[in-house]
PDB file of N, CA and C in Angstrom:
ATOM      1  N   MET A   1     155.738 108.616 121.281  1.00  0.00           N
ATOM      2  CA  MET A   1     155.359 108.390 119.905  1.00  0.00           C
ATOM      3  C   MET A   1     154.757 106.991 119.747  1.00  0.00           C
ATOM      4  N   LYS A   2     155.424 105.975 120.313  1.00  0.00           N
ATOM      5  CA  LYS A   2     154.917 104.611 120.207  1.00  0.00           C
ATOM      6  C   LYS A   2     153.584 104.474 120.932  1.00  0.00           C
ATOM      7  N   GLN A   3     153.419 105.237 122.035  1.00  0.00           N
ATOM      8  CA  GLN A   3     152.160 105.182 122.771  1.00  0.00           C
ATOM      9  C   GLN A   3     151.024 105.765 121.930  1.00  0.00           C
ATOM     10  N   ASN A   4     151.288 106.829 121.182  1.00  0.00           N
ATOM     11  CA  ASN A   4     150.272 107.430 120.322  1.00  0.00           C
ATOM     12  C   ASN A   4     149.847 106.459 119.222  1.00  0.00           C
ATOM     13  N   ILE A   5     150.819 105.786 118.631  1.00  0.00           N
ATOM     14  CA  ILE A   5     150.513 104.814 117.576  1.00  0.00           C
ATOM     15  C   ILE A   5     149.687 103.674 118.145  1.00  0.00           C
ATOM     16  N   ALA A   6     150.084 103.186 119.311  1.00  0.00           N
ATOM     17  CA  ALA A   6     149.351 102.085 119.951  1.00  0.00           C
ATOM     18  C   ALA A   6     147.939 102.530 120.320  1.00  0.00           C
ATOM     19  N   ARG A   7     147.782 103.746 120.812  1.00  0.00           N
ATOM     20  CA  ARG A   7     146.469 104.276 121.185  1.00  0.00           C
ATOM     21  C   ARG A   7     145.572 104.384 119.955  1.00  0.00           C
ATOM     22  N   TRP A   8     146.103 104.944 118.873  1.00  0.00           N
ATOM     23  CA  TRP A   8     145.312 105.085 117.643  1.00  0.00           C
ATOM     24  C   TRP A   8     144.956 103.723 117.054  1.00  0.00           C
ATOM     25  N   PHE A   9     145.874 102.813 117.120  1.00  0.00           N
ATOM     26  CA  PHE A   9     145.598 101.459 116.642  1.00  0.00           C
ATOM     27  C   PHE A   9     144.465 100.827 117.450  1.00  0.00           C
ATOM     28  N   ALA A  10     144.495 101.010 118.766  1.00  0.00           N
ATOM     29  CA  ALA A  10     143.446 100.465 119.640  1.00  0.00           C
ATOM     30  C   ALA A  10     142.098 101.110 119.325  1.00  0.00           C
ATOM     31  N   ILE A  11     142.067 102.414 119.145  1.00  0.00           N
ATOM     32  CA  ILE A  11     140.820 103.128 118.838  1.00  0.00           C
ATOM     33  C   ILE A  11     140.247 102.659 117.506  1.00  0.00           C
ATOM     34  N   ILE A  12     141.086 102.552 116.508  1.00  0.00           N
ATOM     35  CA  ILE A  12     140.632 102.110 115.186  1.00  0.00           C
ATOM     36  C   ILE A  12     140.150 100.667 115.235  1.00  0.00           C
ATOM     37  N   SER A  13     140.846  99.824 115.984  1.00  0.00           N
ATOM     38  CA  SER A  13     140.450  98.418 116.096  1.00  0.00           C
ATOM     39  C   SER A  13     139.087  98.280 116.761  1.00  0.00           C
ATOM     40  N   VAL A  14     138.889  98.986 117.862  1.00  0.00           N
ATOM     41  CA  VAL A  14     137.620  98.925 118.582  1.00  0.00           C
ATOM     42  C   VAL A  14     136.487  99.470 117.709  1.00  0.00           C
ATOM     43  N   THR A  15     136.731 100.578 117.046  1.00  0.00           N
ATOM     44  CA  THR A  15     135.714 101.168 116.170  1.00  0.00           C
ATOM     45  C   THR A  15     135.337 100.211 115.047  1.00  0.00           C
ATOM     46  N   THR A  16     136.314  99.601 114.448  1.00  0.00           N
ATOM     47  CA  THR A  16     136.062  98.644 113.364  1.00  0.00           C
ATOM     48  C   THR A  16     135.280  97.443 113.869  1.00  0.00           C
ATOM     49  N   LEU A  17     135.666  96.935 115.015  1.00  0.00           N
ATOM     50  CA  LEU A  17     134.980  95.787 115.607  1.00  0.00           C
ATOM     51  C   LEU A  17     133.524  96.117 115.906  1.00  0.00           C
ATOM     52  N   LEU A  18     133.283  97.253 116.549  1.00  0.00           N
ATOM     53  CA  LEU A  18     131.920  97.634 116.917  1.00  0.00           C
ATOM     54  C   LEU A  18     131.056  97.924 115.698  1.00  0.00           C
ATOM     55  N   SER A  19     131.623  98.547 114.688  1.00  0.00           N
ATOM     56  CA  SER A  19     130.823  98.829 113.493  1.00  0.00           C
ATOM     57  C   SER A  19     130.480  97.535 112.754  1.00  0.00           C
ATOM     58  N   GLY A  20     131.371  96.557 112.809  1.00  0.00           N
ATOM     59  CA  GLY A  20     131.079  95.256 112.205  1.00  0.00           C
ATOM     60  C   GLY A  20     129.959  94.547 112.926  1.00  0.00           C
ATOM     61  N   CYS A  21     129.939  94.636 114.244  1.00  0.00           N
ATOM     62  CA  CYS A  21     128.864  94.007 115.026  1.00  0.00           C
ATOM     63  C   CYS A  21     127.538  94.688 114.746  1.00  0.00           C
ATOM     64  N   ALA A  22     127.536  95.997 114.697  1.00  0.00           N
ATOM     65  CA  ALA A  22     126.295  96.730 114.436  1.00  0.00           C
ATOM     66  C   ALA A  22     125.770  96.401 113.049  1.00  0.00           C
ATOM     67  N   TRP A  23     126.658  96.273 112.104  1.00  0.00           N
ATOM     68  CA  TRP A  23     126.238  95.937 110.738  1.00  0.00           C
ATOM     69  C   TRP A  23     125.607  94.553 110.720  1.00  0.00           C
ATOM     70  N   GLU A  24     126.178  93.618 111.440  1.00  0.00           N
ATOM     71  CA  GLU A  24     125.683  92.247 111.449  1.00  0.00           C
ATOM     72  C   GLU A  24     124.329  92.145 112.137  1.00  0.00           C
ATOM     73  N   VAL A  25     124.096  92.936 113.175  1.00  0.00           N
ATOM     74  CA  VAL A  25     122.827  92.878 113.896  1.00  0.00           C
ATOM     75  C   VAL A  25     121.674  93.258 112.980  1.00  0.00           C
ATOM     76  N   GLY A  26     121.816  94.332 112.238  1.00  0.00           N
ATOM     77  CA  GLY A  26     120.724  94.784 111.380  1.00  0.00           C
ATOM     78  C   GLY A  26     120.858  94.347 109.940  1.00  0.00           C
ATOM     79  N   GLY A  27     121.962  93.768 109.576  1.00  0.00           N
ATOM     80  CA  GLY A  27     122.195  93.465 108.178  1.00  0.00           C
ATOM     81  C   GLY A  27     122.028  91.999 107.813  1.00  0.00           C
ATOM     82  N   GLY A  28     121.330  91.242 108.651  1.00  0.00           N
ATOM     83  CA  GLY A  28     121.135  89.821 108.375  1.00  0.00           C
ATOM     84  C   GLY A  28     120.175  89.605 107.220  1.00  0.00           C
ATOM     85  N   PRO A  29     119.970  88.359 106.855  1.00  0.00           N
ATOM     86  CA  PRO A  29     119.074  88.062 105.729  1.00  0.00           C
ATOM     87  C   PRO A  29     117.631  88.451 106.045  1.00  0.00           C
ATOM     88  N   GLN A  30     116.960  88.923 105.058  1.00  0.00           N
ATOM     89  CA  GLN A  30     115.560  89.326 105.188  1.00  0.00           C
ATOM     90  C   GLN A  30     114.677  88.210 104.648  1.00  0.00           C
ATOM     91  N   HIS A  31     113.667  87.838 105.399  1.00  0.00           N
ATOM     92  CA  HIS A  31     112.734  86.814 104.956  1.00  0.00           C
ATOM     93  C   HIS A  31     111.464  87.499 104.476  1.00  0.00           C
ATOM     94  N   VAL A  32     111.229  87.410 103.204  1.00  0.00           N
ATOM     95  CA  VAL A  32     110.066  88.042 102.613  1.00  0.00           C
ATOM     96  C   VAL A  32     109.095  86.949 102.206  1.00  0.00           C
ATOM     97  N   THR A  33     107.880  87.077 102.672  1.00  0.00           N
ATOM     98  CA  THR A  33     106.878  86.087 102.290  1.00  0.00           C
ATOM     99  C   THR A  33     106.137  86.581 101.056  1.00  0.00           C
ATOM    100  N   LYS A  34     105.897  85.687 100.149  1.00  0.00           N
ATOM    101  CA  LYS A  34     105.176  86.021  98.929  1.00  0.00           C
ATOM    102  C   LYS A  34     103.690  85.774  99.152  1.00  0.00           C
ATOM    103  N   PRO A  35     102.848  86.583  98.539  1.00  0.00           N
ATOM    104  CA  PRO A  35     101.408  86.325  98.662  1.00  0.00           C
ATOM    105  C   PRO A  35     101.063  85.008  97.959  1.00  0.00           C
ATOM    106  N   PRO A  36     100.014  84.332  98.430  1.00  0.00           N
ATOM    107  CA  PRO A  36      99.656  83.053  97.802  1.00  0.00           C
ATOM    108  C   PRO A  36      99.220  83.258  96.351  1.00  0.00           C
ATOM    109  N   THR A  37      99.486  82.257  95.536  1.00  0.00           N
ATOM    110  CA  THR A  37      99.072  82.322  94.134  1.00  0.00           C
ATOM    111  C   THR A  37      97.565  82.134  94.048  1.00  0.00           C
ATOM    112  N   ALA A  38      97.022  82.451  92.890  1.00  0.00           N
ATOM    113  CA  ALA A  38      95.577  82.265  92.682  1.00  0.00           C
ATOM    114  C   ALA A  38      95.221  80.794  92.841  1.00  0.00           C
ATOM    115  N   GLY A  39      96.068  79.918  92.357  1.00  0.00           N
ATOM    116  CA  GLY A  39      95.824  78.483  92.480  1.00  0.00           C
ATOM    117  C   GLY A  39      95.755  78.038  93.930  1.00  0.00           C
ATOM    118  N   GLN A  40      96.695  78.536  94.750  1.00  0.00           N
ATOM    119  CA  GLN A  40      96.698  78.180  96.171  1.00  0.00           C
ATOM    120  C   GLN A  40      95.472  78.753  96.873  1.00  0.00           C
ATOM    121  N   GLN A  41      95.071  79.959  96.491  1.00  0.00           N
ATOM    122  CA  GLN A  41      93.874  80.558  97.081  1.00  0.00           C
ATOM    123  C   GLN A  41      92.637  79.723  96.749  1.00  0.00           C
ATOM    124  N   LEU A  42      92.569  79.232  95.511  1.00  0.00           N
ATOM    125  CA  LEU A  42      91.424  78.411  95.106  1.00  0.00           C
ATOM    126  C   LEU A  42      91.416  77.071  95.850  1.00  0.00           C
ATOM    127  N   ILE A  43      92.585  76.489  96.054  1.00  0.00           N
ATOM    128  CA  ILE A  43      92.678  75.239  96.806  1.00  0.00           C
ATOM    129  C   ILE A  43      92.215  75.455  98.248  1.00  0.00           C
ATOM    130  N   ASP A  44      92.700  76.532  98.864  1.00  0.00           N
ATOM    131  CA  ASP A  44      92.307  76.838 100.241  1.00  0.00           C
ATOM    132  C   ASP A  44      90.805  77.115 100.336  1.00  0.00           C
ATOM    133  N   LEU A  45      90.283  77.797  99.341  1.00  0.00           N
ATOM    134  CA  LEU A  45      88.856  78.103  99.305  1.00  0.00           C
ATOM    135  C   LEU A  45      88.037  76.819  99.194  1.00  0.00           C
ATOM    136  N   GLN A  46      88.471  75.909  98.343  1.00  0.00           N
ATOM    137  CA  GLN A  46      87.781  74.621  98.184  1.00  0.00           C
ATOM    138  C   GLN A  46      87.790  73.837  99.497  1.00  0.00           C
ATOM    139  N   LYS A  47      88.917  73.841 100.181  1.00  0.00           N
ATOM    140  CA  LYS A  47      89.016  73.147 101.466  1.00  0.00           C
ATOM    141  C   LYS A  47      88.070  73.757 102.497  1.00  0.00           C
ATOM    142  N   ALA A  48      87.981  75.079 102.498  1.00  0.00           N
ATOM    143  CA  ALA A  48      87.080  75.752 103.433  1.00  0.00           C
ATOM    144  C   ALA A  48      85.633  75.374 103.149  1.00  0.00           C
ATOM    145  N   LYS A  49      85.272  75.271 101.874  1.00  0.00           N
ATOM    146  CA  LYS A  49      83.916  74.874 101.498  1.00  0.00           C
ATOM    147  C   LYS A  49      83.644  73.435 101.926  1.00  0.00           C
ATOM    148  N   GLU A  50      84.594  72.544 101.656  1.00  0.00           N
ATOM    149  CA  GLU A  50      84.438  71.131 102.016  1.00  0.00           C
ATOM    150  C   GLU A  50      84.347  70.936 103.530  1.00  0.00           C
ATOM    151  N   ALA A  51      85.028  71.784 104.279  1.00  0.00           N
ATOM    152  CA  ALA A  51      85.007  71.686 105.741  1.00  0.00           C
ATOM    153  C   ALA A  51      83.751  72.316 106.338  1.00  0.00           C
ATOM    154  N   GLY A  52      82.983  73.002 105.504  1.00  0.00           N
ATOM    155  CA  GLY A  52      81.763  73.641 105.986  1.00  0.00           C
ATOM    156  C   GLY A  52      81.999  75.008 106.605  1.00  0.00           C
ATOM    157  N   ALA A  53      83.169  75.559 106.398  1.00  0.00           N
ATOM    158  CA  ALA A  53      83.487  76.870 106.959  1.00  0.00           C
ATOM    159  C   ALA A  53      82.816  78.005 106.192  1.00  0.00           C
ATOM    160  N   ILE A  54      82.528  77.770 104.911  1.00  0.00           N
ATOM    161  CA  ILE A  54      81.827  78.764 104.104  1.00  0.00           C
ATOM    162  C   ILE A  54      80.717  78.072 103.315  1.00  0.00           C
ATOM    163  N   THR A  55      79.717  78.855 102.925  1.00  0.00           N
ATOM    164  CA  THR A  55      78.603  78.305 102.152  1.00  0.00           C
ATOM    165  C   THR A  55      78.987  78.244 100.688  1.00  0.00           C
ATOM    166  N   ASP A  56      78.138  77.584  99.885  1.00  0.00           N
ATOM    167  CA  ASP A  56      78.387  77.499  98.448  1.00  0.00           C
ATOM    168  C   ASP A  56      78.334  78.880  97.813  1.00  0.00           C
ATOM    169  N   ALA A  57      77.416  79.718  98.281  1.00  0.00           N
ATOM    170  CA  ALA A  57      77.309  81.077  97.740  1.00  0.00           C
ATOM    171  C   ALA A  57      78.572  81.885  98.042  1.00  0.00           C
ATOM    172  N   GLU A  58      79.089  81.760  99.264  1.00  0.00           N
ATOM    173  CA  GLU A  58      80.334  82.451  99.627  1.00  0.00           C
ATOM    174  C   GLU A  58      81.487  81.923  98.785  1.00  0.00           C
ATOM    175  N   TYR A  59      81.513  80.617  98.594  1.00  0.00           N
ATOM    176  CA  TYR A  59      82.560  79.988  97.778  1.00  0.00           C
ATOM    177  C   TYR A  59      82.546  80.554  96.363  1.00  0.00           C
ATOM    178  N   GLN A  60      81.361  80.600  95.751  1.00  0.00           N
ATOM    179  CA  GLN A  60      81.248  81.097  94.369  1.00  0.00           C
ATOM    180  C   GLN A  60      81.665  82.559  94.272  1.00  0.00           C
ATOM    181  N   ALA A  61      81.256  83.375  95.239  1.00  0.00           N
ATOM    182  CA  ALA A  61      81.602  84.807  95.219  1.00  0.00           C
ATOM    183  C   ALA A  61      83.106  85.008  95.374  1.00  0.00           C
ATOM    184  N   LYS A  62      83.705  84.307  96.316  1.00  0.00           N
ATOM    185  CA  LYS A  62      85.150  84.458  96.540  1.00  0.00           C
ATOM    186  C   LYS A  62      85.956  83.894  95.371  1.00  0.00           C
ATOM    187  N   LYS A  63      85.488  82.812  94.799  1.00  0.00           N
ATOM    188  CA  LYS A  63      86.153  82.211  93.646  1.00  0.00           C
ATOM    189  C   LYS A  63      86.160  83.187  92.475  1.00  0.00           C
ATOM    190  N   ALA A  64      84.998  83.810  92.213  1.00  0.00           N
ATOM    191  CA  ALA A  64      84.902  84.789  91.125  1.00  0.00           C
ATOM    192  C   ALA A  64      85.842  85.966  91.367  1.00  0.00           C
ATOM    193  N   LYS A  65      85.913  86.410  92.620  1.00  0.00           N
ATOM    194  CA  LYS A  65      86.797  87.541  92.945  1.00  0.00           C
ATOM    195  C   LYS A  65      88.263  87.193  92.719  1.00  0.00           C
ATOM    196  N   ILE A  66      88.659  85.969  93.108  1.00  0.00           N
ATOM    197  CA  ILE A  66      90.047  85.525  92.899  1.00  0.00           C
ATOM    198  C   ILE A  66      90.356  85.447  91.407  1.00  0.00           C
ATOM    199  N   LEU A  67      89.440  84.866  90.647  1.00  0.00           N
ATOM    200  CA  LEU A  67      89.691  84.680  89.216  1.00  0.00           C
ATOM    201  C   LEU A  67      89.700  86.011  88.458  1.00  0.00           C
ATOM    202  N   GLU A  68      88.907  86.956  88.888  1.00  0.00           N
ATOM    203  CA  GLU A  68      88.884  88.224  88.160  1.00  0.00           C
ATOM    204  C   GLU A  68      90.064  89.126  88.525  1.00  0.00           C
ATOM    205  N   SER A  69      90.668  88.885  89.691  1.00  0.00           N
ATOM    206  CA  SER A  69      91.816  89.707  90.087  1.00  0.00           C
ATOM    207  C   SER A  69      93.128  89.217  89.454  1.00  0.00           C
ATOM    208  N   LYS A  70      93.136  88.040  88.867  1.00  0.00           N
ATOM    209  CA  LYS A  70      94.367  87.486  88.280  1.00  0.00           C
ATOM    210  C   LYS A  70      94.364  87.601  86.801  1.00  0.00           C
TER     211      LYS A  70
END
């Protein structure tokens, strides 16, 4: 009788321990990145224009698209 109780206690303990580990592996904090704001997009766009990465025409077109989507 005592062996059965000890066996069941061991099984329950191991099961509880393993389920806790599995929960912790997949249940950690989630890092969600937010899309940039319109203001940040405009700042980045201005920097790209100043660096010569885009032309003035591209800058104006992308700026208009950002402003009309917000």
